[in-house]
């Protein structure tokens, strides 16, 4: 009897664990992959989470700047459309990785995070807007 009960409990726990799981909406991509995505005429929102000063020095064309260090950063993320497609980057990948975690928590459905940030973009010889 105990064995059946233990088996039933184990099956329920496995079933419940499966109900809460979902695949990540965040994909780590190279700068070249992000550039190709942006050229495909797919409506992507390019999200730059560097400071306004960094943004002014050069950014990916069409990018929207949301300062990671702003006091209302989380609120600004919450105001974005979670069903839109995003290309996300920062300087080297640290702030965008943290932002990607927040976007996952906020249930964003499609986010391509540029591995290595704007530095990788520049290393790939890709252009910046000013």
N, C-alpha and C. Protein backbone atom coordinates (compact mmCIF):
# COMPACT_ATOMS: atom_id res chain seq x y z
N UNK A 1 0.82 -1.20 0.00
CA UNK A 1 0.00 0.00 0.00
C UNK A 1 0.87 1.26 0.00
N UNK A 2 1.88 1.27 0.84
CA UNK A 2 2.77 2.43 0.89
C UNK A 2 3.48 2.63 -0.44
N UNK A 3 3.84 1.54 -1.06
CA UNK A 3 4.55 1.62 -2.34
C UNK A 3 3.66 2.26 -3.40
N UNK A 4 2.39 1.87 -3.45
CA UNK A 4 1.44 2.46 -4.41
C UNK A 4 1.26 3.95 -4.15
N UNK A 5 1.13 4.28 -2.88
CA UNK A 5 0.95 5.68 -2.51
C UNK A 5 2.18 6.50 -2.90
N UNK A 6 3.36 5.98 -2.63
CA UNK A 6 4.60 6.68 -2.99
C UNK A 6 4.70 6.84 -4.50
N UNK A 7 4.32 5.82 -5.25
CA UNK A 7 4.34 5.89 -6.71
C UNK A 7 3.34 6.93 -7.21
N UNK A 8 2.17 6.97 -6.62
CA UNK A 8 1.15 7.95 -7.01
C UNK A 8 1.62 9.37 -6.74
N UNK A 9 2.26 9.58 -5.59
CA UNK A 9 2.78 10.90 -5.25
C UNK A 9 3.88 11.29 -6.24
N UNK A 10 4.75 10.37 -6.58
CA UNK A 10 5.84 10.66 -7.52
C UNK A 10 5.28 11.04 -8.88
N UNK A 11 4.27 10.32 -9.36
CA UNK A 11 3.65 10.62 -10.65
C UNK A 11 3.01 12.00 -10.62
N UNK A 12 2.33 12.35 -9.54
CA UNK A 12 1.70 13.67 -9.44
C UNK A 12 2.75 14.77 -9.43
N UNK A 13 3.85 14.58 -8.72
CA UNK A 13 4.90 15.59 -8.68
C UNK A 13 5.52 15.81 -10.06
N UNK A 14 5.74 14.73 -10.78
CA UNK A 14 6.29 14.85 -12.14
C UNK A 14 5.30 15.58 -13.04
N UNK A 15 4.02 15.25 -12.93
CA UNK A 15 3.00 15.92 -13.74
C UNK A 15 2.91 17.41 -13.41
N UNK A 16 2.95 17.74 -12.14
CA UNK A 16 2.89 19.14 -11.73
C UNK A 16 4.13 19.91 -12.18
N UNK A 17 5.28 19.29 -12.12
CA UNK A 17 6.51 19.95 -12.56
C UNK A 17 6.42 20.27 -14.05
N UNK A 18 5.84 19.40 -14.82
CA UNK A 18 5.69 19.62 -16.25
C UNK A 18 4.73 20.74 -16.57
N UNK A 19 3.74 20.96 -15.73
CA UNK A 19 2.75 22.01 -15.99
C UNK A 19 3.36 23.40 -15.90
N UNK A 20 4.32 23.60 -15.03
CA UNK A 20 4.89 24.92 -14.84
C UNK A 20 6.07 25.22 -15.74
N UNK A 21 6.54 24.24 -16.48
CA UNK A 21 7.74 24.48 -17.27
C UNK A 21 7.37 25.07 -18.62
N UNK A 22 8.28 25.88 -19.14
CA UNK A 22 8.10 26.43 -20.47
C UNK A 22 9.48 26.65 -21.07
N UNK A 23 9.52 26.70 -22.39
CA UNK A 23 10.79 26.94 -23.03
C UNK A 23 11.12 28.41 -22.93
N UNK A 24 12.40 28.70 -22.83
CA UNK A 24 12.83 30.08 -22.69
C UNK A 24 12.55 30.87 -23.95
N UNK A 25 12.11 32.10 -23.76
CA UNK A 25 11.84 32.99 -24.89
C UNK A 25 13.11 33.72 -25.29
N UNK A 26 14.19 33.52 -24.56
CA UNK A 26 15.44 34.23 -24.81
C UNK A 26 16.37 33.32 -25.60
N UNK A 27 16.92 33.87 -26.67
CA UNK A 27 17.90 33.13 -27.45
C UNK A 27 19.17 33.98 -27.56
N UNK A 28 20.29 33.39 -27.21
CA UNK A 28 21.58 34.07 -27.32
C UNK A 28 22.04 33.91 -28.77
N UNK A 29 22.27 35.04 -29.44
CA UNK A 29 22.65 35.00 -30.86
C UNK A 29 23.93 35.80 -31.08
N UNK A 30 24.61 35.50 -32.17
CA UNK A 30 25.80 36.27 -32.53
C UNK A 30 25.36 37.61 -33.11
N UNK A 31 26.30 38.52 -33.17
CA UNK A 31 26.01 39.83 -33.78
C UNK A 31 25.59 39.64 -35.24
N UNK A 32 26.26 38.74 -35.96
CA UNK A 32 25.91 38.50 -37.35
C UNK A 32 24.49 37.94 -37.49
N UNK A 33 24.10 37.06 -36.60
CA UNK A 33 22.74 36.51 -36.63
C UNK A 33 21.72 37.61 -36.35
N UNK A 34 22.02 38.48 -35.40
CA UNK A 34 21.11 39.58 -35.09
C UNK A 34 20.99 40.52 -36.28
N UNK A 35 22.11 40.83 -36.93
CA UNK A 35 22.09 41.71 -38.10
C UNK A 35 21.25 41.09 -39.23
N UNK A 36 21.39 39.79 -39.43
CA UNK A 36 20.61 39.10 -40.46
C UNK A 36 19.12 39.15 -40.13
N UNK A 37 18.78 38.96 -38.86
CA UNK A 37 17.38 39.03 -38.43
C UNK A 37 16.81 40.41 -38.71
N UNK A 38 17.60 41.44 -38.42
CA UNK A 38 17.13 42.81 -38.61
C UNK A 38 16.99 43.16 -40.10
N UNK A 39 17.74 42.49 -40.96
CA UNK A 39 17.64 42.75 -42.40
C UNK A 39 16.49 41.99 -43.06
N UNK A 40 15.93 41.03 -42.35
CA UNK A 40 14.85 40.21 -42.92
C UNK A 40 13.51 40.92 -42.99
N UNK A 41 13.48 42.21 -42.70
CA UNK A 41 12.25 43.00 -42.69
C UNK A 41 11.23 42.49 -41.68
N UNK A 42 11.69 41.73 -40.71
CA UNK A 42 10.83 41.30 -39.63
C UNK A 42 10.70 42.46 -38.66
N UNK A 43 9.49 42.76 -38.22
CA UNK A 43 9.36 43.87 -37.27
C UNK A 43 9.97 43.50 -35.92
N UNK A 44 11.19 43.93 -35.71
CA UNK A 44 11.91 43.69 -34.47
C UNK A 44 12.08 45.01 -33.74
N UNK A 45 12.02 44.96 -32.43
CA UNK A 45 12.32 46.13 -31.62
C UNK A 45 13.73 45.92 -31.08
N UNK A 46 14.61 46.84 -31.41
CA UNK A 46 15.99 46.76 -30.94
C UNK A 46 16.07 47.51 -29.62
N UNK A 47 16.44 46.79 -28.58
CA UNK A 47 16.43 47.35 -27.22
C UNK A 47 17.86 47.45 -26.70
N UNK A 48 18.32 48.67 -26.51
CA UNK A 48 19.66 48.97 -26.01
C UNK A 48 19.54 49.35 -24.54
N UNK A 49 20.15 48.57 -23.66
CA UNK A 49 19.99 48.83 -22.23
C UNK A 49 21.23 49.49 -21.61
N UNK A 50 21.99 50.19 -22.45
CA UNK A 50 23.14 50.95 -21.95
C UNK A 50 22.66 52.32 -21.46
N UNK A 51 23.59 53.09 -20.93
CA UNK A 51 23.25 54.44 -20.46
C UNK A 51 23.00 55.36 -21.66
N UNK A 52 22.30 56.46 -21.46
CA UNK A 52 22.09 57.42 -22.55
C UNK A 52 23.41 57.93 -23.14
N UNK A 53 24.43 58.07 -22.30
CA UNK A 53 25.73 58.52 -22.79
C UNK A 53 26.34 57.48 -23.73
N UNK A 54 26.28 56.22 -23.34
CA UNK A 54 26.79 55.14 -24.20
C UNK A 54 25.99 55.09 -25.51
N UNK A 55 24.70 55.22 -25.39
CA UNK A 55 23.81 55.19 -26.55
C UNK A 55 24.18 56.30 -27.54
N UNK A 56 24.45 57.50 -27.03
CA UNK A 56 24.79 58.65 -27.88
C UNK A 56 26.10 58.45 -28.63
N UNK A 57 27.00 57.64 -28.07
CA UNK A 57 28.28 57.37 -28.73
C UNK A 57 28.13 56.48 -29.95
N UNK A 58 27.01 55.79 -30.07
CA UNK A 58 26.74 54.92 -31.21
C UNK A 58 25.88 53.75 -30.79
N UNK A 59 24.92 53.42 -31.62
CA UNK A 59 23.97 52.35 -31.31
C UNK A 59 23.52 51.68 -32.61
N UNK A 60 22.86 50.57 -32.49
CA UNK A 60 22.30 49.90 -33.66
C UNK A 60 21.15 50.75 -34.18
N UNK A 61 21.12 50.94 -35.49
CA UNK A 61 20.09 51.80 -36.11
C UNK A 61 18.70 51.38 -35.67
N UNK A 62 17.91 52.38 -35.27
CA UNK A 62 16.53 52.14 -34.86
C UNK A 62 16.36 51.68 -33.43
N UNK A 63 17.45 51.57 -32.69
CA UNK A 63 17.37 51.07 -31.31
C UNK A 63 16.62 52.03 -30.40
N UNK A 64 15.96 51.46 -29.41
CA UNK A 64 15.29 52.19 -28.35
C UNK A 64 16.17 52.05 -27.11
N UNK A 65 16.44 53.16 -26.45
CA UNK A 65 17.30 53.14 -25.27
C UNK A 65 16.48 53.10 -24.00
N UNK A 66 16.70 52.06 -23.19
CA UNK A 66 16.11 51.95 -21.86
C UNK A 66 17.27 51.70 -20.91
N UNK A 67 17.62 52.70 -20.14
CA UNK A 67 18.81 52.67 -19.28
C UNK A 67 18.64 51.65 -18.15
N UNK A 68 19.51 50.65 -18.17
CA UNK A 68 19.50 49.60 -17.16
C UNK A 68 19.62 50.16 -15.75
N UNK A 69 20.34 51.27 -15.61
CA UNK A 69 20.57 51.86 -14.29
C UNK A 69 19.48 52.84 -13.86
N UNK A 70 18.49 53.09 -14.70
CA UNK A 70 17.42 54.01 -14.35
C UNK A 70 16.60 53.45 -13.19
N UNK A 71 16.15 54.33 -12.31
CA UNK A 71 15.36 53.91 -11.15
C UNK A 71 14.06 53.20 -11.56
N UNK A 72 13.52 53.58 -12.72
CA UNK A 72 12.26 52.98 -13.17
C UNK A 72 12.46 51.95 -14.28
N UNK A 73 13.66 51.34 -14.34
CA UNK A 73 13.97 50.39 -15.40
C UNK A 73 12.94 49.26 -15.50
N UNK A 74 12.63 48.64 -14.38
CA UNK A 74 11.66 47.53 -14.38
C UNK A 74 10.30 47.99 -14.89
N UNK A 75 9.87 49.17 -14.50
CA UNK A 75 8.59 49.70 -14.96
C UNK A 75 8.61 49.94 -16.46
N UNK A 76 9.75 50.43 -16.97
CA UNK A 76 9.86 50.66 -18.41
C UNK A 76 9.77 49.33 -19.17
N UNK A 77 10.39 48.28 -18.64
CA UNK A 77 10.29 46.96 -19.27
C UNK A 77 8.85 46.45 -19.25
N UNK A 78 8.20 46.63 -18.12
CA UNK A 78 6.81 46.17 -17.97
C UNK A 78 5.88 46.87 -18.96
N UNK A 79 6.23 48.08 -19.37
CA UNK A 79 5.39 48.84 -20.30
C UNK A 79 5.55 48.37 -21.74
N UNK A 80 6.57 47.57 -22.02
CA UNK A 80 6.79 47.08 -23.38
C UNK A 80 5.85 45.93 -23.70
N UNK A 81 5.61 45.72 -24.98
CA UNK A 81 4.73 44.64 -25.45
C UNK A 81 5.46 43.30 -25.32
N UNK A 82 5.01 42.41 -24.45
CA UNK A 82 5.72 41.14 -24.28
C UNK A 82 5.57 40.19 -25.47
N UNK A 83 4.64 40.48 -26.38
CA UNK A 83 4.43 39.62 -27.55
C UNK A 83 5.19 40.08 -28.78
N UNK A 84 5.86 41.23 -28.69
CA UNK A 84 6.67 41.72 -29.81
C UNK A 84 7.98 40.94 -29.85
N UNK A 85 8.70 41.07 -30.96
CA UNK A 85 10.01 40.44 -31.11
C UNK A 85 11.10 41.47 -30.83
N UNK A 86 12.08 41.09 -30.03
CA UNK A 86 13.13 42.01 -29.60
C UNK A 86 14.52 41.49 -29.95
N UNK A 87 15.41 42.44 -30.24
CA UNK A 87 16.84 42.19 -30.28
C UNK A 87 17.39 43.04 -29.13
N UNK A 88 18.06 42.40 -28.20
CA UNK A 88 18.50 43.02 -26.95
C UNK A 88 20.02 43.05 -26.89
N UNK A 89 20.56 44.19 -26.44
CA UNK A 89 22.01 44.27 -26.25
C UNK A 89 22.38 45.35 -25.25
N UNK A 90 23.63 45.24 -24.77
CA UNK A 90 24.25 46.27 -23.93
C UNK A 90 25.67 46.45 -24.44
N UNK A 91 26.60 46.76 -23.58
CA UNK A 91 27.98 46.95 -24.02
C UNK A 91 28.67 45.61 -24.29
N UNK A 92 28.68 44.73 -23.26
CA UNK A 92 29.42 43.48 -23.40
C UNK A 92 28.59 42.22 -23.15
N UNK A 93 27.38 42.40 -22.65
CA UNK A 93 26.50 41.25 -22.42
C UNK A 93 26.05 41.07 -20.99
N UNK A 94 26.64 41.78 -20.04
CA UNK A 94 26.26 41.60 -18.64
C UNK A 94 24.88 42.17 -18.34
N UNK A 95 24.66 43.43 -18.70
CA UNK A 95 23.35 44.05 -18.42
C UNK A 95 22.25 43.41 -19.25
N UNK A 96 22.56 43.04 -20.47
CA UNK A 96 21.52 42.41 -21.29
C UNK A 96 21.16 41.02 -20.75
N UNK A 97 22.13 40.31 -20.19
CA UNK A 97 21.83 39.01 -19.58
C UNK A 97 20.88 39.16 -18.40
N UNK A 98 21.12 40.17 -17.58
CA UNK A 98 20.23 40.43 -16.44
C UNK A 98 18.86 40.89 -16.94
N UNK A 99 18.85 41.70 -17.98
CA UNK A 99 17.59 42.16 -18.56
C UNK A 99 16.82 40.97 -19.14
N UNK A 100 17.53 40.06 -19.78
CA UNK A 100 16.88 38.87 -20.35
C UNK A 100 16.18 38.06 -19.27
N UNK A 101 16.79 37.96 -18.10
CA UNK A 101 16.15 37.25 -16.99
C UNK A 101 14.85 37.95 -16.59
N UNK A 102 14.90 39.28 -16.51
CA UNK A 102 13.69 40.04 -16.17
C UNK A 102 12.61 39.85 -17.24
N UNK A 103 13.03 39.86 -18.49
CA UNK A 103 12.07 39.70 -19.59
C UNK A 103 11.44 38.30 -19.57
N UNK A 104 12.22 37.32 -19.17
CA UNK A 104 11.68 35.97 -19.01
C UNK A 104 10.63 35.96 -17.91
N UNK A 105 10.94 36.60 -16.78
CA UNK A 105 9.99 36.68 -15.66
C UNK A 105 8.71 37.41 -16.08
N UNK A 106 8.85 38.39 -16.99
CA UNK A 106 7.70 39.16 -17.46
C UNK A 106 6.99 38.48 -18.63
N UNK A 107 7.44 37.28 -18.97
CA UNK A 107 6.82 36.43 -20.00
C UNK A 107 6.90 37.02 -21.40
N UNK A 108 8.04 37.66 -21.74
CA UNK A 108 8.26 38.08 -23.12
C UNK A 108 8.40 36.83 -23.96
N UNK A 109 7.87 36.86 -25.17
CA UNK A 109 7.81 35.65 -25.97
C UNK A 109 8.93 35.48 -26.99
N UNK A 110 9.63 36.56 -27.35
CA UNK A 110 10.65 36.45 -28.39
C UNK A 110 11.74 37.50 -28.19
N UNK A 111 12.88 37.06 -27.64
CA UNK A 111 13.99 37.97 -27.40
C UNK A 111 15.29 37.32 -27.88
N UNK A 112 15.97 37.99 -28.81
CA UNK A 112 17.30 37.58 -29.24
C UNK A 112 18.29 38.49 -28.54
N UNK A 113 19.12 37.91 -27.68
CA UNK A 113 20.13 38.67 -26.96
C UNK A 113 21.46 38.54 -27.69
N UNK A 114 22.08 39.67 -28.03
CA UNK A 114 23.35 39.63 -28.75
C UNK A 114 24.47 39.23 -27.80
N UNK A 115 25.06 38.09 -28.06
CA UNK A 115 26.17 37.58 -27.26
C UNK A 115 27.38 38.49 -27.44
N UNK A 116 27.83 39.11 -26.36
CA UNK A 116 28.96 40.01 -26.43
C UNK A 116 28.59 41.46 -26.64
N UNK A 117 27.29 41.74 -26.77
CA UNK A 117 26.80 43.11 -26.86
C UNK A 117 27.32 43.91 -28.04
N UNK A 118 27.35 45.23 -27.85
CA UNK A 118 27.76 46.15 -28.91
C UNK A 118 29.24 45.94 -29.26
N UNK A 119 30.03 45.45 -28.31
CA UNK A 119 31.43 45.16 -28.61
C UNK A 119 31.55 44.06 -29.66
N UNK A 120 30.73 43.04 -29.56
CA UNK A 120 30.72 41.98 -30.56
C UNK A 120 30.21 42.50 -31.90
N UNK A 121 29.23 43.39 -31.85
CA UNK A 121 28.69 44.02 -33.06
C UNK A 121 29.81 44.77 -33.79
N UNK A 122 30.58 45.55 -33.04
CA UNK A 122 31.69 46.29 -33.62
C UNK A 122 32.79 45.36 -34.14
N UNK A 123 33.10 44.32 -33.37
CA UNK A 123 34.12 43.35 -33.79
C UNK A 123 33.74 42.66 -35.10
N UNK A 124 32.42 42.53 -35.35
CA UNK A 124 31.94 41.90 -36.58
C UNK A 124 31.95 42.89 -37.75
N UNK A 125 32.35 44.14 -37.47
CA UNK A 125 32.40 45.16 -38.53
C UNK A 125 31.05 45.70 -38.92
N UNK A 126 30.08 45.58 -38.04
CA UNK A 126 28.72 46.05 -38.33
C UNK A 126 28.59 47.52 -37.98
N UNK A 127 27.72 48.25 -38.70
CA UNK A 127 27.64 49.70 -38.54
C UNK A 127 26.86 50.14 -37.30
N UNK A 128 27.17 51.35 -36.87
CA UNK A 128 26.45 52.00 -35.78
C UNK A 128 25.82 53.28 -36.29
N UNK A 129 24.71 53.66 -35.68
CA UNK A 129 24.08 54.95 -35.93
C UNK A 129 24.49 55.88 -34.81
N UNK A 130 24.48 57.17 -35.09
CA UNK A 130 24.83 58.15 -34.06
C UNK A 130 23.77 59.23 -33.98
